[in-house]
PDB file of N, CA and C in Angstrom:
ATOM      1  N   MET A   1       0.842  -1.177   0.000  1.00  0.00           N
ATOM      2  CA  MET A   1       0.000   0.000   0.000  1.00  0.00           C
ATOM      3  C   MET A   1       0.885   1.237   0.000  1.00  0.00           C
ATOM      4  N   SER A   2       0.532   2.221  -0.816  1.00  0.00           N
ATOM      5  CA  SER A   2       1.332   3.437  -0.870  1.00  0.00           C
ATOM      6  C   SER A   2       0.575   4.613  -0.252  1.00  0.00           C
ATOM      7  N   TYR A   3       1.351   5.593   0.195  1.00  0.00           N
ATOM      8  CA  TYR A   3       0.816   6.791   0.838  1.00  0.00           C
ATOM      9  C   TYR A   3       1.440   8.014   0.188  1.00  0.00           C
ATOM     10  N   THR A   4       0.698   9.104   0.160  1.00  0.00           N
ATOM     11  CA  THR A   4       1.210  10.367  -0.367  1.00  0.00           C
ATOM     12  C   THR A   4       1.413  11.329   0.797  1.00  0.00           C
ATOM     13  N   VAL A   5       2.593  11.936   0.834  1.00  0.00           N
ATOM     14  CA  VAL A   5       2.951  12.862   1.904  1.00  0.00           C
ATOM     15  C   VAL A   5       3.575  14.100   1.275  1.00  0.00           C
ATOM     16  N   SER A   6       3.268  15.265   1.835  1.00  0.00           N
ATOM     17  CA  SER A   6       3.899  16.489   1.346  1.00  0.00           C
ATOM     18  C   SER A   6       4.437  17.305   2.518  1.00  0.00           C
ATOM     19  N   ALA A   7       5.193  18.331   2.179  1.00  0.00           N
ATOM     20  CA  ALA A   7       5.767  19.203   3.199  1.00  0.00           C
ATOM     21  C   ALA A   7       4.697  19.989   3.943  1.00  0.00           C
ATOM     22  N   THR A   8       3.490  20.032   3.441  1.00  0.00           N
ATOM     23  CA  THR A   8       2.424  20.799   4.095  1.00  0.00           C
ATOM     24  C   THR A   8       1.567  19.946   5.017  1.00  0.00           C
ATOM     25  N   ASP A   9       1.913  18.694   5.209  1.00  0.00           N
ATOM     26  CA  ASP A   9       1.111  17.787   6.023  1.00  0.00           C
ATOM     27  C   ASP A   9       1.426  17.858   7.520  1.00  0.00           C
ATOM     28  N   LEU A  10       1.996  18.940   7.960  1.00  0.00           N
ATOM     29  CA  LEU A  10       2.356  19.060   9.372  1.00  0.00           C
ATOM     30  C   LEU A  10       1.204  19.546  10.241  1.00  0.00           C
ATOM     31  N   GLY A  11       0.070  19.854   9.662  1.00  0.00           N
ATOM     32  CA  GLY A  11      -1.076  20.312  10.433  1.00  0.00           C
ATOM     33  C   GLY A  11      -1.597  19.270  11.390  1.00  0.00           C
ATOM     34  N   HIS A  12      -1.260  18.020  11.151  1.00  0.00           N
ATOM     35  CA  HIS A  12      -1.737  16.925  11.989  1.00  0.00           C
ATOM     36  C   HIS A  12      -0.628  16.395  12.892  1.00  0.00           C
ATOM     37  N   LEU A  13       0.393  17.207  13.129  1.00  0.00           N
ATOM     38  CA  LEU A  13       1.540  16.789  13.915  1.00  0.00           C
ATOM     39  C   LEU A  13       1.123  16.399  15.333  1.00  0.00           C
ATOM     40  N   GLN A  14       1.564  15.218  15.747  1.00  0.00           N
ATOM     41  CA  GLN A  14       1.258  14.735  17.090  1.00  0.00           C
ATOM     42  C   GLN A  14       2.533  14.131  17.663  1.00  0.00           C
ATOM     43  N   PHE A  15       3.023  14.710  18.734  1.00  0.00           N
ATOM     44  CA  PHE A  15       4.225  14.183  19.358  1.00  0.00           C
ATOM     45  C   PHE A  15       3.934  12.834  19.997  1.00  0.00           C
ATOM     46  N   ASN A  16       4.922  11.958  19.960  1.00  0.00           N
ATOM     47  CA  ASN A  16       4.796  10.624  20.524  1.00  0.00           C
ATOM     48  C   ASN A  16       3.657   9.841  19.868  1.00  0.00           C
ATOM     49  N   GLU A  17       3.613   9.917  18.547  1.00  0.00           N
ATOM     50  CA  GLU A  17       2.605   9.181  17.772  1.00  0.00           C
ATOM     51  C   GLU A  17       2.781   7.685  18.007  1.00  0.00           C
ATOM     52  N   LEU A  18       1.726   7.016  18.403  1.00  0.00           N
ATOM     53  CA  LEU A  18       1.794   5.592  18.722  1.00  0.00           C
ATOM     54  C   LEU A  18       1.532   4.693  17.523  1.00  0.00           C
ATOM     55  N   GLU A  19       0.743   5.147  16.574  1.00  0.00           N
ATOM     56  CA  GLU A  19       0.451   4.380  15.364  1.00  0.00           C
ATOM     57  C   GLU A  19       1.679   4.443  14.448  1.00  0.00           C
ATOM     58  N   ALA A  20       2.265   3.294  14.129  1.00  0.00           N
ATOM     59  CA  ALA A  20       3.530   3.239  13.391  1.00  0.00           C
ATOM     60  C   ALA A  20       3.445   3.884  12.014  1.00  0.00           C
ATOM     61  N   VAL A  21       2.406   3.608  11.252  1.00  0.00           N
ATOM     62  CA  VAL A  21       2.279   4.187   9.908  1.00  0.00           C
ATOM     63  C   VAL A  21       2.173   5.703   9.992  1.00  0.00           C
ATOM     64  N   ASN A  22       1.353   6.191  10.912  1.00  0.00           N
ATOM     65  CA  ASN A  22       1.222   7.645  11.074  1.00  0.00           C
ATOM     66  C   ASN A  22       2.530   8.278  11.515  1.00  0.00           C
ATOM     67  N   SER A  23       3.286   7.566  12.332  1.00  0.00           N
ATOM     68  CA  SER A  23       4.582   8.067  12.774  1.00  0.00           C
ATOM     69  C   SER A  23       5.539   8.233  11.597  1.00  0.00           C
ATOM     70  N   VAL A  24       5.576   7.246  10.721  1.00  0.00           N
ATOM     71  CA  VAL A  24       6.439   7.314   9.538  1.00  0.00           C
ATOM     72  C   VAL A  24       6.002   8.462   8.632  1.00  0.00           C
ATOM     73  N   LEU A  25       4.714   8.580   8.382  1.00  0.00           N
ATOM     74  CA  LEU A  25       4.213   9.650   7.514  1.00  0.00           C
ATOM     75  C   LEU A  25       4.509  11.021   8.106  1.00  0.00           C
ATOM     76  N   GLN A  26       4.362  11.141   9.400  1.00  0.00           N
ATOM     77  CA  GLN A  26       4.657  12.398  10.074  1.00  0.00           C
ATOM     78  C   GLN A  26       6.143  12.728   9.975  1.00  0.00           C
ATOM     79  N   ASN A  27       6.997  11.725  10.169  1.00  0.00           N
ATOM     80  CA  ASN A  27       8.440  11.938  10.056  1.00  0.00           C
ATOM     81  C   ASN A  27       8.819  12.402   8.653  1.00  0.00           C
ATOM     82  N   ILE A  28       8.200  11.838   7.641  1.00  0.00           N
ATOM     83  CA  ILE A  28       8.488  12.243   6.264  1.00  0.00           C
ATOM     84  C   ILE A  28       8.067  13.686   6.037  1.00  0.00           C
ATOM     85  N   ALA A  29       6.914  14.078   6.546  1.00  0.00           N
ATOM     86  CA  ALA A  29       6.460  15.470   6.410  1.00  0.00           C
ATOM     87  C   ALA A  29       7.439  16.418   7.079  1.00  0.00           C
ATOM     88  N   VAL A  30       7.968  16.037   8.226  1.00  0.00           N
ATOM     89  CA  VAL A  30       8.956  16.878   8.914  1.00  0.00           C
ATOM     90  C   VAL A  30      10.230  16.977   8.085  1.00  0.00           C
ATOM     91  N   ILE A  31      10.693  15.880   7.540  1.00  0.00           N
ATOM     92  CA  ILE A  31      11.893  15.887   6.691  1.00  0.00           C
ATOM     93  C   ILE A  31      11.690  16.822   5.504  1.00  0.00           C
ATOM     94  N   LEU A  32      10.535  16.707   4.833  1.00  0.00           N
ATOM     95  CA  LEU A  32      10.279  17.508   3.638  1.00  0.00           C
ATOM     96  C   LEU A  32      10.142  18.996   3.933  1.00  0.00           C
ATOM     97  N   SER A  33       9.779  19.343   5.146  1.00  0.00           N
ATOM     98  CA  SER A  33       9.561  20.758   5.472  1.00  0.00           C
ATOM     99  C   SER A  33      10.730  21.392   6.222  1.00  0.00           C
ATOM    100  N   THR A  34      11.782  20.635   6.475  1.00  0.00           N
ATOM    101  CA  THR A  34      12.930  21.156   7.219  1.00  0.00           C
ATOM    102  C   THR A  34      14.127  21.348   6.292  1.00  0.00           C
ATOM    103  N   PRO A  35      14.533  22.588   6.067  1.00  0.00           N
ATOM    104  CA  PRO A  35      15.741  22.813   5.271  1.00  0.00           C
ATOM    105  C   PRO A  35      16.978  22.305   6.018  1.00  0.00           C
ATOM    106  N   ARG A  36      17.842  21.616   5.312  1.00  0.00           N
ATOM    107  CA  ARG A  36      19.076  21.114   5.921  1.00  0.00           C
ATOM    108  C   ARG A  36      19.869  22.301   6.478  1.00  0.00           C
ATOM    109  N   GLY A  37      20.427  22.090   7.666  1.00  0.00           N
ATOM    110  CA  GLY A  37      21.247  23.125   8.291  1.00  0.00           C
ATOM    111  C   GLY A  37      20.487  24.005   9.270  1.00  0.00           C
ATOM    112  N   THR A  38      19.201  23.777   9.439  1.00  0.00           N
ATOM    113  CA  THR A  38      18.410  24.651  10.310  1.00  0.00           C
ATOM    114  C   THR A  38      18.123  24.070  11.687  1.00  0.00           C
ATOM    115  N   VAL A  39      18.523  22.839  11.944  1.00  0.00           N
ATOM    116  CA  VAL A  39      18.281  22.229  13.246  1.00  0.00           C
ATOM    117  C   VAL A  39      19.581  22.281  14.045  1.00  0.00           C
ATOM    118  N   PRO A  40      19.617  23.082  15.116  1.00  0.00           N
ATOM    119  CA  PRO A  40      20.838  23.175  15.918  1.00  0.00           C
ATOM    120  C   PRO A  40      21.266  21.806  16.438  1.00  0.00           C
ATOM    121  N   GLN A  41      22.560  21.558  16.443  1.00  0.00           N
ATOM    122  CA  GLN A  41      23.163  20.313  16.906  1.00  0.00           C
ATOM    123  C   GLN A  41      22.809  19.107  16.041  1.00  0.00           C
ATOM    124  N   TYR A  42      22.091  19.340  14.955  1.00  0.00           N
ATOM    125  CA  TYR A  42      21.654  18.251  14.073  1.00  0.00           C
ATOM    126  C   TYR A  42      21.620  18.803  12.649  1.00  0.00           C
ATOM    127  N   ARG A  43      22.702  19.478  12.271  1.00  0.00           N
ATOM    128  CA  ARG A  43      22.749  20.269  11.041  1.00  0.00           C
ATOM    129  C   ARG A  43      22.550  19.467   9.763  1.00  0.00           C
ATOM    130  N   ASP A  44      22.778  18.177   9.801  1.00  0.00           N
ATOM    131  CA  ASP A  44      22.649  17.361   8.597  1.00  0.00           C
ATOM    132  C   ASP A  44      21.210  16.898   8.350  1.00  0.00           C
ATOM    133  N   PHE A  45      20.320  17.143   9.322  1.00  0.00           N
ATOM    134  CA  PHE A  45      18.939  16.702   9.184  1.00  0.00           C
ATOM    135  C   PHE A  45      18.173  17.616   8.231  1.00  0.00           C
ATOM    136  N   GLY A  46      17.292  17.025   7.444  1.00  0.00           N
ATOM    137  CA  GLY A  46      16.404  17.792   6.579  1.00  0.00           C
ATOM    138  C   GLY A  46      16.727  17.644   5.115  1.00  0.00           C
ATOM    139  N   LEU A  47      16.158  18.551   4.367  1.00  0.00           N
ATOM    140  CA  LEU A  47      16.203  18.492   2.904  1.00  0.00           C
ATOM    141  C   LEU A  47      17.177  19.515   2.343  1.00  0.00           C
ATOM    142  N   ASP A  48      18.061  19.062   1.463  1.00  0.00           N
ATOM    143  CA  ASP A  48      18.968  19.962   0.746  1.00  0.00           C
ATOM    144  C   ASP A  48      18.121  20.839  -0.168  1.00  0.00           C
ATOM    145  N   MET A  49      18.117  22.125   0.084  1.00  0.00           N
ATOM    146  CA  MET A  49      17.256  23.059  -0.650  1.00  0.00           C
ATOM    147  C   MET A  49      18.002  23.776  -1.788  1.00  0.00           C
ATOM    148  N   SER A  50      19.021  23.145  -2.349  1.00  0.00           N
ATOM    149  CA  SER A  50      19.797  23.789  -3.409  1.00  0.00           C
ATOM    150  C   SER A  50      18.969  24.037  -4.668  1.00  0.00           C
ATOM    151  N   PHE A  51      17.793  23.446  -4.770  1.00  0.00           N
ATOM    152  CA  PHE A  51      16.921  23.659  -5.929  1.00  0.00           C
ATOM    153  C   PHE A  51      16.119  24.963  -5.819  1.00  0.00           C
ATOM    154  N   VAL A  52      16.133  25.587  -4.647  1.00  0.00           N
ATOM    155  CA  VAL A  52      15.385  26.828  -4.440  1.00  0.00           C
ATOM    156  C   VAL A  52      15.988  27.948  -5.290  1.00  0.00           C
ATOM    157  N   ASP A  53      15.162  28.817  -5.783  1.00  0.00           N
ATOM    158  CA  ASP A  53      15.531  29.984  -6.593  1.00  0.00           C
ATOM    159  C   ASP A  53      16.025  29.629  -7.993  1.00  0.00           C
ATOM    160  N   LYS A  54      15.724  28.441  -8.429  1.00  0.00           N
ATOM    161  CA  LYS A  54      16.000  28.050  -9.811  1.00  0.00           C
ATOM    162  C   LYS A  54      14.698  28.202 -10.597  1.00  0.00           C
ATOM    163  N   PRO A  55      14.781  28.309 -11.916  1.00  0.00           N
ATOM    164  CA  PRO A  55      13.540  28.318 -12.703  1.00  0.00           C
ATOM    165  C   PRO A  55      12.734  27.051 -12.414  1.00  0.00           C
ATOM    166  N   ARG A  56      11.428  27.165 -12.416  1.00  0.00           N
ATOM    167  CA  ARG A  56      10.570  26.058 -11.998  1.00  0.00           C
ATOM    168  C   ARG A  56      10.894  24.727 -12.679  1.00  0.00           C
ATOM    169  N   PRO A  57      11.038  24.668 -14.022  1.00  0.00           N
ATOM    170  CA  PRO A  57      11.332  23.367 -14.637  1.00  0.00           C
ATOM    171  C   PRO A  57      12.648  22.767 -14.128  1.00  0.00           C
ATOM    172  N   VAL A  58      13.635  23.610 -13.873  1.00  0.00           N
ATOM    173  CA  VAL A  58      14.925  23.138 -13.361  1.00  0.00           C
ATOM    174  C   VAL A  58      14.770  22.683 -11.914  1.00  0.00           C
ATOM    175  N   ALA A  59      14.078  23.469 -11.109  1.00  0.00           N
ATOM    176  CA  ALA A  59      13.878  23.140  -9.694  1.00  0.00           C
ATOM    177  C   ALA A  59      13.140  21.814  -9.530  1.00  0.00           C
ATOM    178  N   GLU A  60      12.153  21.567 -10.385  1.00  0.00           N
ATOM    179  CA  GLU A  60      11.395  20.318 -10.297  1.00  0.00           C
ATOM    180  C   GLU A  60      12.298  19.109 -10.500  1.00  0.00           C
ATOM    181  N   VAL A  61      13.232  19.212 -11.419  1.00  0.00           N
ATOM    182  CA  VAL A  61      14.153  18.105 -11.689  1.00  0.00           C
ATOM    183  C   VAL A  61      15.187  17.985 -10.573  1.00  0.00           C
ATOM    184  N   LEU A  62      15.726  19.136 -10.125  1.00  0.00           N
ATOM    185  CA  LEU A  62      16.755  19.121  -9.091  1.00  0.00           C
ATOM    186  C   LEU A  62      16.224  18.713  -7.719  1.00  0.00           C
ATOM    187  N   MET A  63      14.923  18.787  -7.511  1.00  0.00           N
ATOM    188  CA  MET A  63      14.325  18.470  -6.225  1.00  0.00           C
ATOM    189  C   MET A  63      14.261  16.957  -5.973  1.00  0.00           C
ATOM    190  N   VAL A  64      14.191  16.165  -7.010  1.00  0.00           N
ATOM    191  CA  VAL A  64      13.940  14.724  -6.873  1.00  0.00           C
ATOM    192  C   VAL A  64      15.037  14.016  -6.069  1.00  0.00           C
ATOM    193  N   ALA A  65      16.280  14.179  -6.430  1.00  0.00           N
ATOM    194  CA  ALA A  65      17.369  13.457  -5.756  1.00  0.00           C
ATOM    195  C   ALA A  65      17.498  13.828  -4.278  1.00  0.00           C
ATOM    196  N   PRO A  66      17.493  15.120  -3.910  1.00  0.00           N
ATOM    197  CA  PRO A  66      17.594  15.439  -2.477  1.00  0.00           C
ATOM    198  C   PRO A  66      16.430  14.893  -1.647  1.00  0.00           C
ATOM    199  N   VAL A  67      15.234  14.860  -2.218  1.00  0.00           N
ATOM    200  CA  VAL A  67      14.082  14.319  -1.497  1.00  0.00           C
ATOM    201  C   VAL A  67      14.278  12.827  -1.264  1.00  0.00           C
ATOM    202  N   ARG A  68      14.638  12.102  -2.297  1.00  0.00           N
ATOM    203  CA  ARG A  68      14.869  10.655  -2.154  1.00  0.00           C
ATOM    204  C   ARG A  68      15.978  10.372  -1.134  1.00  0.00           C
ATOM    205  N   GLU A  69      17.080  11.116  -1.231  1.00  0.00           N
ATOM    206  CA  GLU A  69      18.216  10.893  -0.333  1.00  0.00           C
ATOM    207  C   GLU A  69      17.859  11.188   1.118  1.00  0.00           C
ATOM    208  N   ALA A  70      17.139  12.277   1.358  1.00  0.00           N
ATOM    209  CA  ALA A  70      16.786  12.647   2.730  1.00  0.00           C
ATOM    210  C   ALA A  70      15.866  11.604   3.361  1.00  0.00           C
ATOM    211  N   ILE A  71      14.883  11.147   2.615  1.00  0.00           N
ATOM    212  CA  ILE A  71      13.973  10.141   3.169  1.00  0.00           C
ATOM    213  C   ILE A  71      14.695   8.818   3.383  1.00  0.00           C
ATOM    214  N   GLN A  72      15.538   8.444   2.450  1.00  0.00           N
ATOM    215  CA  GLN A  72      16.300   7.207   2.606  1.00  0.00           C
ATOM    216  C   GLN A  72      17.199   7.281   3.841  1.00  0.00           C
ATOM    217  N   LYS A  73      17.801   8.428   4.084  1.00  0.00           N
ATOM    218  CA  LYS A  73      18.719   8.574   5.215  1.00  0.00           C
ATOM    219  C   LYS A  73      17.992   8.649   6.557  1.00  0.00           C
ATOM    220  N   TRP A  74      16.897   9.419   6.609  1.00  0.00           N
ATOM    221  CA  TRP A  74      16.283   9.726   7.901  1.00  0.00           C
ATOM    222  C   TRP A  74      15.030   8.915   8.230  1.00  0.00           C
ATOM    223  N   GLU A  75      14.474   8.218   7.274  1.00  0.00           N
ATOM    224  CA  GLU A  75      13.283   7.394   7.555  1.00  0.00           C
ATOM    225  C   GLU A  75      13.392   6.101   6.781  1.00  0.00           C
ATOM    226  N   SER A  76      14.157   5.176   7.346  1.00  0.00           N
ATOM    227  CA  SER A  76      14.456   3.923   6.647  1.00  0.00           C
ATOM    228  C   SER A  76      13.260   2.986   6.540  1.00  0.00           C
ATOM    229  N   ARG A  77      12.173   3.290   7.252  1.00  0.00           N
ATOM    230  CA  ARG A  77      10.986   2.429   7.172  1.00  0.00           C
ATOM    231  C   ARG A  77      10.144   2.731   5.935  1.00  0.00           C
ATOM    232  N   ALA A  78      10.555   3.728   5.148  1.00  0.00           N
ATOM    233  CA  ALA A  78       9.800   4.109   3.951  1.00  0.00           C
ATOM    234  C   ALA A  78      10.661   3.960   2.705  1.00  0.00           C
ATOM    235  N   THR A  79      10.019   3.567   1.625  1.00  0.00           N
ATOM    236  CA  THR A  79      10.657   3.511   0.314  1.00  0.00           C
ATOM    237  C   THR A  79       9.936   4.497  -0.586  1.00  0.00           C
ATOM    238  N   VAL A  80      10.693   5.392  -1.202  1.00  0.00           N
ATOM    239  CA  VAL A  80      10.103   6.402  -2.083  1.00  0.00           C
ATOM    240  C   VAL A  80       9.771   5.761  -3.424  1.00  0.00           C
ATOM    241  N   LEU A  81       8.523   5.863  -3.815  1.00  0.00           N
ATOM    242  CA  LEU A  81       8.078   5.347  -5.107  1.00  0.00           C
ATOM    243  C   LEU A  81       8.073   6.436  -6.164  1.00  0.00           C
ATOM    244  N   ASN A  82       7.728   7.652  -5.755  1.00  0.00           N
ATOM    245  CA  ASN A  82       7.612   8.752  -6.705  1.00  0.00           C
ATOM    246  C   ASN A  82       7.807  10.070  -5.963  1.00  0.00           C
ATOM    247  N   VAL A  83       8.439  11.025  -6.623  1.00  0.00           N
ATOM    248  CA  VAL A  83       8.608  12.380  -6.101  1.00  0.00           C
ATOM    249  C   VAL A  83       8.043  13.328  -7.130  1.00  0.00           C
ATOM    250  N   TYR A  84       7.188  14.218  -6.689  1.00  0.00           N
ATOM    251  CA  TYR A  84       6.657  15.208  -7.610  1.00  0.00           C
ATOM    252  C   TYR A  84       6.356  16.499  -6.865  1.00  0.00           C
ATOM    253  N   PRO A  85       6.501  17.612  -7.565  1.00  0.00           N
ATOM    254  CA  PRO A  85       6.227  18.904  -6.936  1.00  0.00           C
ATOM    255  C   PRO A  85       4.746  19.246  -7.044  1.00  0.00           C
ATOM    256  N   ARG A  86       4.239  19.831  -6.000  1.00  0.00           N
ATOM    257  CA  ARG A  86       2.898  20.397  -6.045  1.00  0.00           C
ATOM    258  C   ARG A  86       3.049  21.893  -5.944  1.00  0.00           C
ATOM    259  N   SER A  87       2.029  22.598  -6.322  1.00  0.00           N
ATOM    260  CA  SER A  87       2.070  24.044  -6.154  1.00  0.00           C
ATOM    261  C   SER A  87       0.752  24.511  -5.563  1.00  0.00           C
ATOM    262  N   ASP A  88       0.808  25.635  -4.909  1.00  0.00           N
ATOM    263  CA  ASP A  88      -0.364  26.237  -4.296  1.00  0.00           C
ATOM    264  C   ASP A  88      -0.728  27.458  -5.137  1.00  0.00           C
ATOM    265  N   PRO A  89      -1.931  27.490  -5.718  1.00  0.00           N
ATOM    266  CA  PRO A  89      -2.313  28.624  -6.570  1.00  0.00           C
ATOM    267  C   PRO A  89      -2.236  29.973  -5.843  1.00  0.00           C
ATOM    268  N   SER A  90      -2.369  29.954  -4.526  1.00  0.00           N
ATOM    269  CA  SER A  90      -2.294  31.216  -3.784  1.00  0.00           C
ATOM    270  C   SER A  90      -0.846  31.669  -3.579  1.00  0.00           C
ATOM    271  N   GLN A  91       0.115  30.796  -3.869  1.00  0.00           N
ATOM    272  CA  GLN A  91       1.534  31.134  -3.748  1.00  0.00           C
ATOM    273  C   GLN A  91       2.264  30.738  -5.027  1.00  0.00           C
ATOM    274  N   PRO A  92       2.101  31.525  -6.088  1.00  0.00           N
ATOM    275  CA  PRO A  92       2.721  31.168  -7.369  1.00  0.00           C
ATOM    276  C   PRO A  92       4.244  31.046  -7.250  1.00  0.00           C
ATOM    277  N   GLY A  93       4.775  30.027  -7.874  1.00  0.00           N
ATOM    278  CA  GLY A  93       6.212  29.819  -7.876  1.00  0.00           C
ATOM    279  C   GLY A  93       6.735  28.986  -6.731  1.00  0.00           C
ATOM    280  N   LYS A  94       5.914  28.676  -5.755  1.00  0.00           N
ATOM    281  CA  LYS A  94       6.355  27.878  -4.617  1.00  0.00           C
ATOM    282  C   LYS A  94       6.113  26.398  -4.901  1.00  0.00           C
ATOM    283  N   LEU A  95       7.184  25.608  -4.809  1.00  0.00           N
ATOM    284  CA  LEU A  95       7.083  24.164  -4.988  1.00  0.00           C
ATOM    285  C   LEU A  95       6.907  23.509  -3.624  1.00  0.00           C
ATOM    286  N   ILE A  96       6.031  22.554  -3.564  1.00  0.00           N
ATOM    287  CA  ILE A  96       5.798  21.804  -2.336  1.00  0.00           C
ATOM    288  C   ILE A  96       6.241  20.366  -2.598  1.00  0.00           C
ATOM    289  N   PRO A  97       7.368  19.947  -2.007  1.00  0.00           N
ATOM    290  CA  PRO A  97       7.818  18.581  -2.233  1.00  0.00           C
ATOM    291  C   PRO A  97       6.765  17.579  -1.767  1.00  0.00           C
ATOM    292  N   THR A  98       6.425  16.657  -2.639  1.00  0.00           N
ATOM    293  CA  THR A  98       5.414  15.651  -2.356  1.00  0.00           C
ATOM    294  C   THR A  98       5.953  14.296  -2.796  1.00  0.00           C
ATOM    295  N   VAL A  99       5.725  13.283  -1.971  1.00  0.00           N
ATOM    296  CA  VAL A  99       6.236  11.953  -2.295  1.00  0.00           C
ATOM    297  C   VAL A  99       5.147  10.910  -2.148  1.00  0.00           C
ATOM    298  N   GLU A 100       5.301   9.868  -2.919  1.00  0.00           N
ATOM    299  CA  GLU A 100       4.498   8.664  -2.755  1.00  0.00           C
ATOM    300  C   GLU A 100       5.447   7.638  -2.159  1.00  0.00           C
ATOM    301  N   VAL A 101       5.081   7.063  -1.023  1.00  0.00           N
ATOM    302  CA  VAL A 101       5.976   6.131  -0.334  1.00  0.00           C
ATOM    303  C   VAL A 101       5.251   4.834  -0.014  1.00  0.00           C
ATOM    304  N   GLU A 102       6.060   3.832   0.164  1.00  0.00           N
ATOM    305  CA  GLU A 102       5.593   2.554   0.652  1.00  0.00           C
ATOM    306  C   GLU A 102       6.257   2.365   2.028  1.00  0.00           C
ATOM    307  N   ILE A 103       5.503   1.868   2.992  1.00  0.00           N
ATOM    308  CA  ILE A 103       6.025   1.750   4.352  1.00  0.00           C
ATOM    309  C   ILE A 103       6.252   0.284   4.702  1.00  0.00           C
ATOM    310  N   HIS A 104       7.427   0.031   5.294  1.00  0.00           N
ATOM    311  CA  HIS A 104       7.825  -1.323   5.702  1.00  0.00           C
ATOM    312  C   HIS A 104       8.057  -1.317   7.200  1.00  0.00           C
ATOM    313  N   LEU A 105       7.207  -1.965   7.940  1.00  0.00           N
ATOM    314  CA  LEU A 105       7.315  -1.946   9.402  1.00  0.00           C
ATOM    315  C   LEU A 105       7.927  -3.205   9.993  1.00  0.00           C
ATOM    316  N   GLU A 106       8.271  -4.150   9.189  1.00  0.00           N
ATOM    317  CA  GLU A 106       8.822  -5.399   9.703  1.00  0.00           C
ATOM    318  C   GLU A 106      10.309  -5.369   9.827  1.00  0.00           C
TER     319      GLU A 106
END
């Protein structure tokens, strides 16, 4: 079974999530919304945002590898099936990293 998660899915954030699938999905949303280098004492955590400020077609392509790498590194219970950018019509030009993942809890 696959799940879709984006950087905007933090509205349902719950600390100490007991449901394993929800915990993984929440962790992925945190990874996607955290720029690398912004967490004190944990500077390597998050997403490499080197695709920011590039033309949209270029940014969409450059975003795929950092998203896959960050999820692979920080949430090993998930396998990325697809990475695609979403956009919000109220914020033109803003890419929202979105992934389709499969979760492995065994």
